[in-house]
Protein backbone atom coordinates (compact mmCIF):
# COMPACT_ATOMS: atom_id res chain seq x y z
CA MET A 1 1.91 -8.30 0.27
CA PRO A 2 4.81 -8.15 -2.17
CA HIS A 3 4.19 -6.26 -5.37
CA PRO A 4 6.98 -7.51 -7.65
CA SER A 5 6.17 -4.90 -10.27
CA THR A 6 9.80 -4.38 -11.08
CA ASP A 7 10.31 -7.83 -12.51
CA ALA A 8 6.88 -9.17 -13.34
CA THR A 9 4.75 -8.40 -16.37
CA PRO A 10 0.94 -8.57 -16.22
CA PRO A 11 -0.77 -10.52 -18.99
CA GLY A 12 -0.65 -8.40 -22.11
CA GLY A 13 1.37 -5.73 -20.32
CA ARG A 14 4.87 -4.34 -20.64
CA ARG A 15 7.70 -4.88 -18.22
CA PRO A 16 8.21 -1.58 -16.37
CA ARG A 17 11.68 -0.09 -16.41
CA TRP A 18 13.41 -0.59 -13.07
CA ARG A 19 14.45 2.46 -11.15
CA ALA A 20 13.58 5.22 -13.58
CA ALA A 21 16.31 7.80 -13.46
CA LEU A 22 15.59 10.81 -11.28
CA CYS A 23 16.86 14.18 -12.35
CA ALA A 24 19.73 15.59 -10.35
CA LEU A 25 18.93 16.67 -6.81
CA ALA A 26 21.07 18.41 -4.22
CA LEU A 27 22.39 15.63 -2.00
CA ALA A 28 24.35 17.63 0.54
CA THR A 29 25.10 15.73 3.72
CA ALA A 30 23.00 16.96 6.63
CA GLY A 31 22.87 16.14 10.29
CA PRO A 32 19.62 15.65 12.22
CA GLY A 33 17.20 18.45 11.51
CA VAL A 34 19.50 20.19 9.01
CA LEU A 35 18.01 21.15 5.66
CA ALA A 36 19.55 20.47 2.27
CA SER A 37 17.59 22.36 -0.39
CA ALA A 38 17.10 21.04 -3.90
CA ALA A 39 17.75 23.14 -6.94
CA PRO A 40 14.58 24.29 -8.73
CA SER A 41 13.08 21.54 -10.86
CA SER A 42 13.23 21.72 -14.61
CA ALA A 43 9.45 22.17 -14.68
CA ALA A 44 9.65 25.17 -12.35
CA GLY A 45 12.49 26.61 -14.41
CA LEU A 46 10.29 26.77 -17.49
CA HIS A 47 8.04 29.30 -15.80
CA GLY A 48 10.50 31.15 -13.59
CA PRO A 49 10.92 30.80 -9.83
CA ARG A 50 7.82 30.62 -7.69
CA THR A 51 7.20 33.79 -5.70
CA GLY A 52 4.12 32.69 -3.78
CA ALA A 53 3.83 30.77 -0.53
CA CYS A 54 6.42 28.15 -1.46
CA ALA A 55 9.99 28.94 -0.48
CA ALA A 56 12.43 26.08 -1.03
CA GLY A 57 15.19 27.93 0.80
CA ASP A 58 13.25 28.04 4.07
CA PRO A 59 10.77 25.14 4.16
CA PRO A 60 9.34 23.57 7.30
CA ARG A 61 11.73 21.29 9.15
CA VAL A 62 10.68 17.67 9.51
CA PRO A 63 11.01 16.73 13.20
CA GLY A 64 13.43 13.85 13.69
CA ALA A 65 14.64 13.73 10.08
CA ALA A 66 18.30 12.93 9.55
CA HIS A 67 18.19 14.53 6.09
CA GLN A 68 15.70 16.51 4.08
CA GLN A 69 15.59 18.55 0.92
CA ALA A 70 12.85 20.72 -0.52
CA ALA A 71 11.76 22.03 -3.88
CA CYS A 72 9.14 24.47 -5.09
CA LEU A 73 7.25 22.76 -7.88
CA ASP A 74 4.76 24.11 -10.37
CA GLU A 75 3.17 20.64 -10.29
CA LEU A 76 3.03 18.24 -7.32
CA THR A 77 1.11 15.52 -9.17
CA THR A 78 2.70 13.03 -11.52
CA ALA A 79 1.69 15.32 -14.38
CA GLY A 80 4.83 17.23 -13.38
CA THR A 81 6.85 15.15 -10.95
CA VAL A 82 7.75 12.45 -13.47
CA ALA A 83 9.53 15.01 -15.65
CA SER A 84 10.98 16.98 -12.73
CA GLY A 85 12.35 13.87 -11.02
CA HIS A 86 10.24 14.17 -7.87
CA THR A 87 8.71 10.72 -8.18
CA ASP A 88 9.80 7.32 -9.49
CA PRO A 89 7.34 5.58 -11.85
CA ALA A 90 8.91 2.21 -11.02
CA ASP A 91 7.55 2.58 -7.49
CA TYR A 92 3.92 2.61 -8.64
CA ALA A 93 4.07 0.46 -11.77
CA GLY A 94 1.15 -1.95 -12.05
CA LEU A 95 -1.06 -0.47 -9.36
CA THR A 96 -3.49 1.55 -11.49
CA PRO A 97 -5.28 1.18 -14.83
CA LYS A 98 -3.30 2.54 -17.75
CA ASN A 99 -6.01 5.06 -18.68
CA LEU A 100 -6.45 6.52 -15.20
CA PRO A 101 -6.64 10.32 -15.69
CA THR A 102 -3.85 12.38 -14.15
CA PRO A 103 -4.97 15.59 -12.44
CA SER A 104 -2.82 18.69 -12.72
CA GLY A 105 -2.64 22.31 -11.59
CA VAL A 106 -1.32 21.71 -8.07
CA PRO A 107 1.71 23.90 -7.30
CA GLY A 108 3.46 23.68 -3.97
CA THR A 109 6.37 22.38 -1.92
CA GLN A 110 7.79 18.86 -1.91
CA ILE A 111 10.04 17.69 0.90
CA ASP A 112 12.01 14.46 0.48
CA GLY A 113 14.17 12.96 3.18
CA TYR A 114 14.76 10.16 5.62
CA PHE A 115 14.65 9.40 9.31
CA PRO A 116 17.58 7.72 11.09
CA ASP A 117 17.71 4.03 10.18
CA THR A 118 20.31 1.30 9.87
CA SER A 119 19.00 -0.52 6.78
CA THR A 120 19.87 0.49 3.22
CA THR A 121 17.44 -1.17 0.80
CA ASN A 122 15.86 2.02 -0.60
CA THR A 123 17.98 3.42 -3.41
CA ASN A 124 15.82 6.41 -4.33
CA HIS A 125 17.88 9.60 -4.80
CA GLY A 126 21.03 7.52 -4.53
CA TRP A 127 20.73 7.67 -0.74
CA ASN A 128 20.77 3.89 -0.11
CA HIS A 129 18.95 4.62 3.12
CA ASP A 130 15.62 3.36 4.45
CA ALA A 131 12.90 5.24 6.34
CA GLN A 132 12.61 7.61 3.38
CA PHE A 133 9.55 9.84 3.16
CA VAL A 134 7.90 12.36 0.88
CA ILE A 135 5.75 15.26 2.08
CA ARG A 136 3.77 17.40 -0.38
CA LEU A 137 2.32 20.76 0.63
CA PRO A 138 0.01 22.37 -1.95
CA ASP A 139 -0.11 26.15 -2.16
CA HIS A 140 -3.91 25.95 -2.08
CA TRP A 141 -4.53 23.84 1.03
CA ASN A 142 -7.90 22.56 2.20
CA GLY A 143 -6.80 22.38 5.84
CA GLU A 144 -6.42 18.59 6.04
CA LEU A 145 -3.70 15.93 5.80
CA VAL A 146 -3.53 12.45 4.24
CA VAL A 147 -0.81 10.01 5.32
CA ALA A 148 -0.01 6.65 3.77
CA GLY A 149 2.28 3.67 3.94
CA THR A 150 3.11 1.83 0.75
CA PRO A 151 1.75 -1.46 -0.63
CA GLY A 152 3.92 -4.54 -0.84
CA ASN A 153 7.59 -3.81 -0.20
CA ARG A 154 7.60 -0.74 -2.44
CA GLU A 155 9.13 2.67 -1.82
CA GLN A 156 7.63 6.00 -0.84
CA TYR A 157 6.29 7.03 -4.27
CA ALA A 158 4.20 3.87 -4.72
CA ASN A 159 0.92 5.65 -3.99
CA ASP A 160 1.58 8.61 -6.26
CA ARG A 161 -0.81 7.63 -9.06
CA ALA A 162 -3.45 5.83 -7.01
CA ILE A 163 -3.69 8.19 -4.02
CA SER A 164 -1.35 11.19 -3.94
CA ASP A 165 -2.40 12.72 -7.29
CA TRP A 166 -6.08 12.64 -6.38
CA VAL A 167 -5.89 13.90 -2.80
CA LEU A 168 -3.51 16.69 -3.83
CA SER A 169 -6.01 17.77 -6.50
CA ARG A 170 -8.57 18.07 -3.69
CA GLY A 171 -6.29 20.34 -1.68
CA TYR A 172 -4.94 17.88 0.89
CA ALA A 173 -1.38 17.91 2.17
CA TYR A 174 0.09 14.44 1.65
CA ALA A 175 2.84 12.38 3.28
CA ALA A 176 4.07 8.84 2.60
CA THR A 177 6.74 6.54 4.01
CA ASP A 178 8.64 3.56 2.59
CA LYS A 179 7.83 1.81 5.91
CA GLY A 180 11.49 1.44 6.92
CA ASN A 181 12.53 -1.46 4.66
CA THR A 182 11.91 -2.28 1.01
CA GLY A 183 12.52 -4.82 -1.70
CA LEU A 184 12.55 -8.59 -1.82
CA ALA A 185 15.10 -8.87 1.01
CA PHE A 186 13.13 -6.72 3.45
CA HIS A 187 13.04 -9.64 5.88
CA ARG A 188 16.76 -9.20 6.57
CA ASP A 189 15.97 -6.04 8.52
CA GLY A 190 15.68 -6.41 12.28
CA ARG A 191 17.05 -8.80 14.87
CA ARG A 192 14.13 -11.15 15.51
CA PRO A 193 11.25 -12.56 13.49
CA GLY A 194 8.58 -9.97 12.80
CA ASP A 195 10.82 -6.95 13.36
CA ALA A 196 10.68 -5.76 9.74
CA ILE A 197 6.88 -5.72 9.63
CA ALA A 198 6.63 -4.21 13.10
CA GLU A 199 8.83 -1.36 11.88
CA TRP A 200 6.24 -0.52 9.23
CA ASN A 201 3.80 0.45 11.96
CA THR A 202 6.39 2.49 13.83
CA ARG A 203 7.40 4.37 10.70
CA LEU A 204 3.87 5.43 9.80
CA THR A 205 3.28 6.64 13.35
CA GLN A 206 6.57 8.57 13.17
CA LEU A 207 5.69 10.13 9.82
CA THR A 208 2.19 11.11 10.92
CA ARG A 209 3.51 13.01 13.92
CA ALA A 210 6.20 14.68 11.84
CA ALA A 211 3.86 15.57 8.97
CA ARG A 212 1.34 17.16 11.35
CA ALA A 213 4.14 19.37 12.71
CA VAL A 214 5.31 20.23 9.20
CA VAL A 215 1.78 21.22 8.19
CA LYS A 216 1.44 23.46 11.25
CA GLU A 217 4.73 25.21 10.49
CA ARG A 218 3.96 25.60 6.80
CA TYR A 219 0.39 26.88 7.08
CA GLY A 220 0.33 28.34 10.58
CA LYS A 221 -2.20 25.89 11.97
CA SER A 222 -2.53 22.17 12.58
CA PRO A 223 -4.54 20.06 10.13
CA SER A 224 -8.22 20.08 11.00
CA ARG A 225 -8.35 16.39 10.06
CA THR A 226 -5.78 13.68 9.50
CA VAL A 227 -6.77 10.64 7.42
CA ALA A 228 -4.75 7.46 6.96
CA THR A 229 -5.16 5.42 3.81
CA GLY A 230 -3.28 2.72 1.91
CA ILE A 231 -3.36 -0.32 -0.34
CA SER A 232 -2.62 -3.93 0.69
CA ASN A 233 0.18 -3.72 3.27
CA GLY A 234 -0.62 0.00 3.35
CA GLY A 235 -4.21 -0.92 4.24
CA TYR A 236 -2.92 -3.13 7.05
CA LEU A 237 -1.12 -0.07 8.40
CA VAL A 238 -4.36 1.93 8.39
CA ARG A 239 -6.08 -0.73 10.46
CA TRP A 240 -3.14 -0.99 12.87
CA GLN A 241 -2.90 2.78 13.34
CA LEU A 242 -6.60 3.15 14.10
CA GLU A 243 -6.34 0.30 16.58
CA ASN A 244 -3.17 1.48 18.32
CA HIS A 245 -2.90 5.25 17.75
CA PRO A 246 -6.43 6.57 17.18
CA GLU A 247 -5.41 9.86 18.83
CA LEU A 248 -3.38 10.75 15.72
CA TYR A 249 -6.18 10.30 13.19
CA ASP A 250 -9.73 11.31 12.49
CA GLY A 251 -10.40 8.27 10.32
CA GLY A 252 -9.02 5.96 7.67
CA VAL A 253 -9.69 4.24 4.36
CA ASP A 254 -8.39 0.68 4.11
CA TRP A 255 -7.99 -0.60 0.56
CA GLU A 256 -7.67 -4.42 0.72
CA GLY A 257 -5.43 -4.39 3.78
CA THR A 258 -3.49 -7.52 4.67
CA LEU A 259 -4.98 -9.32 7.67
CA TRP A 260 -2.47 -10.69 10.14
CA ASN A 261 -4.35 -12.55 12.86
CA SER A 262 -4.11 -15.54 15.16
CA ASP A 263 -4.85 -17.88 12.24
CA GLY A 264 -1.55 -16.88 10.63
CA GLY A 265 -2.96 -14.55 8.00
CA PRO A 266 -1.66 -15.33 4.49
CA LEU A 267 0.58 -18.08 5.87
CA ALA A 268 -2.60 -20.08 6.50
CA PHE A 269 -3.92 -20.13 2.91
CA LEU A 270 -1.04 -19.48 0.51
CA PRO A 271 0.51 -22.95 1.00
CA THR A 272 -2.73 -24.52 -0.24
CA ALA A 273 -2.47 -22.50 -3.44
CA LEU A 274 1.14 -23.58 -3.95
CA ARG A 275 0.34 -27.21 -3.27
CA GLU A 276 -2.88 -27.55 -5.26
CA TYR A 277 -2.50 -25.23 -8.23
CA PRO A 278 0.02 -27.40 -10.16
CA ALA A 279 -2.42 -30.31 -10.08
CA TYR A 280 -5.26 -28.05 -11.20
CA ALA A 281 -3.19 -26.59 -14.04
CA ALA A 282 -2.05 -30.02 -15.19
CA GLY A 283 -5.61 -31.21 -15.71
CA GLY A 284 -6.34 -34.89 -15.51
CA PRO A 285 -8.14 -36.82 -12.78
CA GLY A 286 -6.82 -34.68 -9.92
CA ALA A 287 -7.76 -31.30 -11.35
CA ASP A 288 -11.29 -31.12 -9.95
CA ALA A 289 -10.17 -32.04 -6.44
CA ALA A 290 -7.37 -29.46 -6.61
CA ARG A 291 -9.81 -26.76 -7.75
CA ASP A 292 -12.17 -27.65 -4.89
CA ALA A 293 -9.27 -27.42 -2.42
CA LEU A 294 -8.41 -23.95 -3.70
CA HIS A 295 -12.02 -22.87 -3.33
CA ALA A 296 -12.12 -24.25 0.20
CA ALA A 297 -8.97 -22.29 1.05
CA GLY A 298 -10.75 -19.07 0.08
CA TYR A 299 -9.94 -18.56 -3.59
CA PRO A 300 -13.36 -17.73 -5.01
CA ALA A 301 -15.15 -19.66 -7.70
CA GLY A 302 -15.00 -17.63 -10.89
CA SER A 303 -11.47 -16.38 -10.19
CA GLU A 304 -9.77 -19.28 -11.95
CA PHE A 305 -8.72 -17.09 -14.89
CA LEU A 306 -6.49 -15.14 -12.48
CA TRP A 307 -4.79 -18.15 -10.94
CA PRO A 308 -2.01 -18.71 -13.53
CA TYR A 309 -0.68 -15.15 -13.19
CA HIS A 310 -0.88 -15.18 -9.41
CA TYR A 311 0.85 -18.54 -9.14
CA LYS A 312 3.69 -17.35 -11.34
CA THR A 313 4.01 -13.86 -9.91
CA TYR A 314 2.57 -13.55 -6.41
CA TRP A 315 1.66 -16.68 -4.46
CA ASP A 316 5.06 -18.34 -4.30
CA LEU A 317 6.99 -15.13 -3.72
CA THR A 318 4.59 -13.84 -1.06
CA GLN A 319 4.57 -17.07 0.92
CA ARG A 320 8.32 -17.49 0.92
CA LEU A 321 9.19 -13.89 1.84
CA TYR A 322 6.65 -13.50 4.62
CA ARG A 323 7.29 -16.95 6.00
CA GLU A 324 11.02 -16.09 6.10
CA GLU A 325 10.22 -12.87 7.96
CA LEU A 326 8.07 -14.63 10.59
CA ASP A 327 9.40 -18.21 10.60
CA PRO A 328 12.97 -18.28 9.25
CA GLY A 329 13.73 -21.60 10.91
CA TYR A 330 11.24 -23.56 8.81
CA ASP A 331 13.71 -24.20 6.00
CA GLY A 332 16.89 -24.24 8.06
CA GLU A 333 19.79 -22.30 6.57
CA THR A 334 17.99 -21.77 3.26
CA GLU A 335 16.95 -18.14 2.89
CA ALA A 336 13.33 -17.59 1.85
CA GLY A 337 12.73 -21.13 0.69
CA THR A 338 13.00 -22.80 -2.70
CA PRO A 339 11.00 -21.15 -5.49
CA PHE A 340 8.19 -23.30 -6.91
CA CYS A 341 9.28 -26.42 -5.07
CA ALA A 342 7.14 -29.52 -5.39
CA SER A 343 5.15 -30.71 -2.40
CA GLY A 344 7.22 -33.28 -0.53
CA THR A 345 10.52 -31.46 -1.04
CA PRO A 346 12.16 -30.90 2.38
CA GLY A 347 11.42 -27.40 3.67
CA CYS A 348 9.02 -26.69 0.83
CA ASP A 349 6.60 -23.82 1.44
CA ALA A 350 3.86 -25.73 -0.37
CA ASP A 351 3.77 -27.99 2.70
CA TYR A 352 3.92 -25.22 5.30
CA ASP A 353 1.47 -25.76 8.20
CA TYR A 354 1.22 -22.64 10.35
CA GLY A 355 -0.90 -24.35 12.98
CA ALA A 356 1.82 -26.94 13.61
CA ARG A 357 4.67 -24.45 13.96
CA PRO A 358 6.31 -23.68 17.33
CA ARG A 359 4.90 -21.15 19.76
CA ALA A 360 7.71 -18.74 18.92
CA VAL A 361 6.35 -18.44 15.40
CA HIS A 362 2.87 -17.69 16.69
CA ARG A 363 4.32 -15.08 19.03
CA ALA A 364 6.07 -13.42 16.07
CA VAL A 365 2.77 -13.19 14.20
CA GLY A 366 1.07 -12.00 17.39
CA ARG A 367 3.42 -9.01 17.56
CA ILE A 368 1.99 -7.67 14.30
CA ALA A 369 -1.54 -9.07 14.53
CA LEU A 370 -4.67 -6.97 14.37
CA THR A 371 -7.45 -7.05 16.97
CA GLY A 372 -10.37 -5.23 15.36
CA ARG A 373 -10.40 -2.66 18.17
CA ILE A 374 -10.40 0.42 15.95
CA GLY A 375 -10.80 3.77 17.70
CA LYS A 376 -11.82 6.01 14.80
CA PRO A 377 -14.11 5.65 11.76
CA LEU A 378 -12.82 3.26 9.11
CA VAL A 379 -14.11 2.71 5.58
CA SER A 380 -12.79 -0.57 4.20
CA LEU A 381 -13.08 -2.05 0.72
CA GLN A 382 -11.88 -5.15 -1.08
CA GLY A 383 -12.54 -6.81 -4.43
CA THR A 384 -14.44 -10.09 -4.55
CA LEU A 385 -11.93 -11.46 -7.10
CA ASP A 386 -8.86 -10.66 -5.03
CA VAL A 387 -6.81 -13.84 -5.32
CA LEU A 388 -3.70 -12.63 -3.53
CA LEU A 389 -5.66 -11.96 -0.34
CA PRO A 390 -8.95 -13.82 -0.81
CA ILE A 391 -11.78 -11.68 0.50
CA SER A 392 -13.31 -14.41 2.65
CA ARG A 393 -10.00 -14.77 4.52
CA ASP A 394 -9.24 -11.07 4.67
CA GLY A 395 -11.80 -8.25 4.39
CA ASP A 396 -14.74 -10.40 5.52
CA ALA A 397 -12.72 -11.77 8.43
CA TYR A 398 -11.54 -8.34 9.57
CA ALA A 399 -15.10 -6.98 9.48
CA ARG A 400 -16.12 -9.85 11.79
CA MET A 401 -13.21 -9.01 14.11
CA VAL A 402 -14.27 -5.36 14.32
CA ARG A 403 -17.84 -6.31 15.14
CA ALA A 404 -16.70 -8.91 17.70
CA ALA A 405 -14.60 -6.22 19.38
CA GLY A 406 -17.69 -4.04 19.76
CA ARG A 407 -16.47 -1.46 17.24
CA GLY A 408 -18.93 -2.22 14.46
CA PRO A 409 -20.46 1.30 14.45
CA LEU A 410 -17.03 2.68 13.47
CA LEU A 411 -16.75 0.48 10.36
CA ARG A 412 -18.22 0.64 6.88
CA TYR A 413 -17.11 -2.29 4.74
CA TYR A 414 -17.73 -2.60 1.00
CA ARG A 415 -17.16 -5.70 -1.10
CA ILE A 416 -16.44 -4.58 -4.68
CA ALA A 417 -17.80 -7.13 -7.15
CA ASP A 418 -15.16 -8.18 -9.71
CA GLY A 419 -12.42 -6.09 -8.16
CA THR A 420 -8.99 -7.70 -7.82
CA HIS A 421 -5.77 -6.91 -5.98
CA THR A 422 -3.91 -4.82 -8.58
CA ASP A 423 -5.69 -2.60 -11.07
CA ALA A 424 -3.21 -3.21 -13.89
CA LEU A 425 -4.93 -6.58 -14.34
CA VAL A 426 -8.10 -4.73 -15.35
CA ASP A 427 -6.31 -3.74 -18.55
CA ALA A 428 -5.67 -7.41 -19.30
CA PHE A 429 -9.24 -8.52 -18.47
CA PRO A 430 -11.47 -5.48 -19.07
CA ASP A 431 -14.62 -7.55 -19.53
CA ARG A 432 -14.14 -9.54 -16.32
CA LEU A 433 -12.69 -7.10 -13.79
CA ARG A 434 -13.50 -3.63 -12.54
CA PRO A 435 -10.92 -1.14 -11.27
CA MET A 436 -10.68 -0.55 -7.53
CA THR A 437 -9.21 2.96 -7.79
CA PRO A 438 -12.56 4.74 -8.38
CA CYS A 439 -14.09 2.73 -5.53
CA HIS A 440 -11.33 3.87 -3.20
CA ARG A 441 -12.15 7.46 -4.14
CA SER A 442 -15.83 6.89 -3.44
CA ALA A 443 -14.90 5.36 -0.08
CA PHE A 444 -12.69 8.34 0.69
CA THR A 445 -15.42 10.86 -0.10
CA ALA A 446 -17.85 8.82 2.00
CA LEU A 447 -15.43 9.13 4.91
CA GLU A 448 -15.15 12.88 4.27
CA ARG A 449 -18.90 13.28 4.63
CA TRP A 450 -18.94 11.06 7.71
CA LEU A 451 -16.24 13.08 9.45
CA ALA A 452 -17.91 16.37 8.45
CA GLY A 453 -21.14 15.28 10.13
CA GLU A 454 -23.00 15.08 6.83
CA GLY A 455 -24.30 11.59 7.43
CA ARG A 456 -22.85 8.16 7.89
CA PRO A 457 -22.08 6.11 4.79
CA SER A 458 -24.56 3.45 3.79
CA ALA A 459 -24.33 0.13 5.55
CA GLY A 460 -21.66 -2.19 4.20
CA HIS A 461 -22.69 -4.33 1.27
CA THR A 462 -21.48 -5.80 -2.02
CA VAL A 463 -21.16 -3.13 -4.70
CA ALA A 464 -22.33 -4.71 -7.95
CA ARG A 465 -20.48 -4.23 -11.21
CA PRO A 466 -22.89 -2.62 -13.70
CA ALA A 467 -23.67 -5.23 -16.33
CA ASP A 468 -23.56 -2.83 -19.28
CA ALA A 469 -20.76 -0.51 -18.15
CA ASP A 470 -17.76 -0.12 -20.42
CA ALA A 471 -14.21 0.36 -19.22
CA SER A 472 -14.35 4.16 -19.33
CA ALA A 473 -17.56 4.25 -17.29
CA LEU A 474 -16.09 1.95 -14.64
CA LEU A 475 -13.02 4.14 -14.45
CA ALA A 476 -15.10 7.26 -13.98
CA GLU A 477 -17.10 6.31 -10.90
CA CYS A 478 -17.98 3.65 -8.36
CA PRO A 479 -21.12 4.61 -6.40
CA LEU A 480 -21.22 2.85 -3.03
CA ALA A 481 -24.84 3.65 -2.18
């Protein structure tokens, strides 16, 4: 789902600066497979050139890349990459709690680049080229690889604080893709409805194959395990990969993945929110009925304090952009609808009825829909107070699909009490929400033990929020057992 972090401010938060400036990188033009090496980062320069395993002048080549550049870094986590220009904080703004610790002490090689593509929405590095990727290769490698697609319509550094920092500190190699199109006009990519989202799946498959080859060249052996993980739309990609390309992965961790299914996914419940919330917010005789309609659509009782922010920031934007991607004919020549239109306005997304739309629209959704037929172990988690993708319409529904497909033994699904869709909201409501980031880490370590043959994770259940836990305690751990 869209994460409009670049132009939306959480309650009590600060508006993040758009497109934080990256320090100068070598941008030499390169043909397919040709390397363009970056100058040493400023952080590396403080301590002299690296003389260990990293060699920026002769890094692994990324199969299929149209352009790549490499740098030896004293620090691959955001403890160093923010200053050295090897990440972009705007990409990950709003996804993690402000006090999330940043690990450090991970030297290694970073490779940035892009695969051939015709769209130009990603402006990182000044390339104006989509299908950008980042691959990080720690000097002290644990033998395994983590790959990820990004949440929302963000770019390749979006997971750096939530996922990359932590897995790098555990010795994993890491690779991430921008999914092939980014930004609020991502739906313009492709020739037919659904093409832009379908490309996301293709790009993660492409990156996984390339990253496995890069790891083999860099370390002299293939990764012993490859794990896919991601948030929101990135979680959708984990599910899709394990359903369609299980041969590439040993397992995955799905963090609140978007569920596209025959019901229409978010297009089936977001219009209710757009139609009913104004009446609820206005109060008066219609407020109770509007609240009940929102509950019936899946928005959980007790989440009402989150509704104003989501109406203003997420619900309207998400519905219009994804409806435009999958059903552009609904509003005629208007592109992506009319923001915050009142019910009854012609072509208004508040009145959208997926079930009544033509078969072509259902076929477009079918092209990207999930089946539940996962082929490798999956640990899935979602917050019970997720009001962008209500858990009853998303995580709960996907767990039922997996079981109905006969793949239940491959799934462990955890409902995180008081978790919501973006962890920055925990800072605004610390007494009412718990962060999901520590729970993702617990889910990841549970998958590690499962894949290592050290026992299957506990059966899926709702993970209660400790009644007396303060914010620092919740940030430190999230036991799933």
